Protein backbone atom coordinates (compact mmCIF):
# COMPACT_ATOMS: atom_id res chain seq x y z
CA UNK A 1 30.01 -116.37 -184.96
CA UNK A 2 32.61 -114.84 -182.30
CA UNK A 3 30.06 -117.57 -179.75
CA UNK A 4 30.79 -120.10 -182.46
CA UNK A 5 34.37 -120.20 -182.86
CA UNK A 6 34.75 -119.60 -178.94
CA UNK A 7 32.17 -122.69 -177.99
CA UNK A 8 35.12 -123.98 -180.68
CA UNK A 9 38.35 -123.10 -178.70
CA UNK A 10 36.52 -123.82 -175.49
CA UNK A 11 36.63 -128.45 -176.19
CA UNK A 12 39.77 -128.15 -178.41
CA UNK A 13 41.01 -126.77 -174.96
CA UNK A 14 39.53 -129.77 -173.35
CA UNK A 15 39.96 -132.48 -175.78
CA UNK A 16 43.05 -131.43 -175.00
CA UNK A 17 43.36 -132.10 -171.83
CA UNK A 18 41.87 -135.52 -171.95
CA UNK A 19 44.48 -137.14 -174.22
CA UNK A 20 47.30 -135.24 -172.42
CA UNK A 21 45.14 -137.70 -169.06
CA UNK A 22 45.33 -140.34 -170.49
CA UNK A 23 48.35 -140.49 -172.72
CA UNK A 24 50.54 -137.81 -171.08
CA UNK A 25 53.45 -138.41 -169.28
CA UNK A 26 53.66 -138.10 -164.94
CA UNK A 27 56.09 -136.37 -163.20
CA UNK A 28 58.28 -138.36 -160.62
CA UNK A 29 60.35 -137.10 -157.80
CA UNK A 30 62.87 -139.16 -156.92
CA UNK A 31 64.26 -138.36 -152.79
CA UNK A 32 67.03 -139.64 -153.52
CA UNK A 33 69.26 -141.90 -155.65
CA UNK A 34 67.43 -144.62 -157.92
CA UNK A 35 66.23 -147.57 -156.07
CA UNK A 36 66.61 -146.60 -152.74
CA UNK A 37 64.57 -143.98 -150.91
CA UNK A 38 61.31 -141.99 -151.77
CA UNK A 39 59.74 -141.93 -155.20
CA UNK A 40 56.75 -140.25 -156.10
CA UNK A 41 54.64 -139.38 -159.13
CA UNK A 42 51.63 -137.35 -160.45
CA UNK A 43 49.69 -137.40 -163.52
CA UNK A 44 51.11 -134.94 -165.84
CA UNK A 45 47.46 -133.30 -166.52
CA UNK A 46 47.43 -132.03 -162.61
CA UNK A 47 50.04 -129.30 -164.05
CA UNK A 48 46.98 -128.80 -167.49
CA UNK A 49 44.14 -128.17 -165.80
CA UNK A 50 44.52 -124.95 -163.56
CA UNK A 51 45.71 -123.39 -166.85
CA UNK A 52 42.92 -124.96 -169.03
CA UNK A 53 40.35 -123.95 -166.67
CA UNK A 54 41.86 -120.00 -166.99
CA UNK A 55 41.74 -120.11 -171.12
CA UNK A 56 38.56 -121.68 -170.40
CA UNK A 57 37.41 -118.39 -168.70
CA UNK A 58 38.79 -115.73 -170.21
CA UNK A 59 37.94 -117.29 -173.98
CA UNK A 60 33.90 -117.55 -172.95
CA UNK A 61 33.99 -114.05 -171.21
CA UNK A 62 35.35 -112.49 -174.73
CA UNK A 63 33.26 -115.24 -176.37
CA UNK A 64 29.71 -115.31 -174.90
CA UNK A 65 30.33 -111.47 -172.61
CA UNK A 66 28.47 -109.50 -175.34
CA UNK A 67 25.46 -112.09 -175.64
CA UNK A 68 25.29 -111.14 -171.99
CA UNK A 69 25.76 -107.24 -172.63
CA UNK A 70 22.80 -107.28 -175.12
CA UNK A 71 20.77 -108.34 -173.11
CA UNK A 72 20.64 -106.89 -170.19
CA UNK A 73 21.54 -102.94 -171.88
CA UNK A 74 19.56 -103.43 -175.07
CA UNK A 75 16.00 -104.03 -175.48
CA UNK A 76 14.69 -106.10 -178.47
CA UNK A 77 13.31 -103.38 -181.26
CA UNK A 78 9.51 -102.73 -180.30
CA UNK A 79 9.84 -104.17 -176.63
CA UNK A 80 7.57 -102.54 -174.03
CA UNK A 81 9.75 -101.67 -170.48
CA UNK A 82 8.62 -104.25 -167.36
CA UNK A 83 6.89 -101.97 -165.20
CA UNK A 84 8.98 -103.49 -161.80
CA UNK A 85 12.39 -102.95 -163.86
CA UNK A 86 11.02 -99.10 -165.20
CA UNK A 87 10.04 -98.26 -161.23
CA UNK A 88 13.08 -99.66 -160.47
CA UNK A 89 15.80 -97.73 -162.35
CA UNK A 90 13.93 -94.58 -161.47
CA UNK A 91 14.29 -94.73 -157.93
CA UNK A 92 17.79 -95.30 -158.28
């Protein structure tokens, strides 16, 4: 069940990024008096994306990390070990 909530949280994060990208305000920088001089405009989504990426990374490691751990540490009940993997574990 944590996998479902993690996936849902990641989808919501990126939907918010999409909404900010489409309807969000711009970051405007004026180098002098308004109307005279230079100004630059950057979409505010540029600031939001790094935080969305970090949140996605953390949520994915927490929500899906258990899946990776289950597949790498514990075999299925009644499963037979692969001979090459068993030899590699014994020799190391």
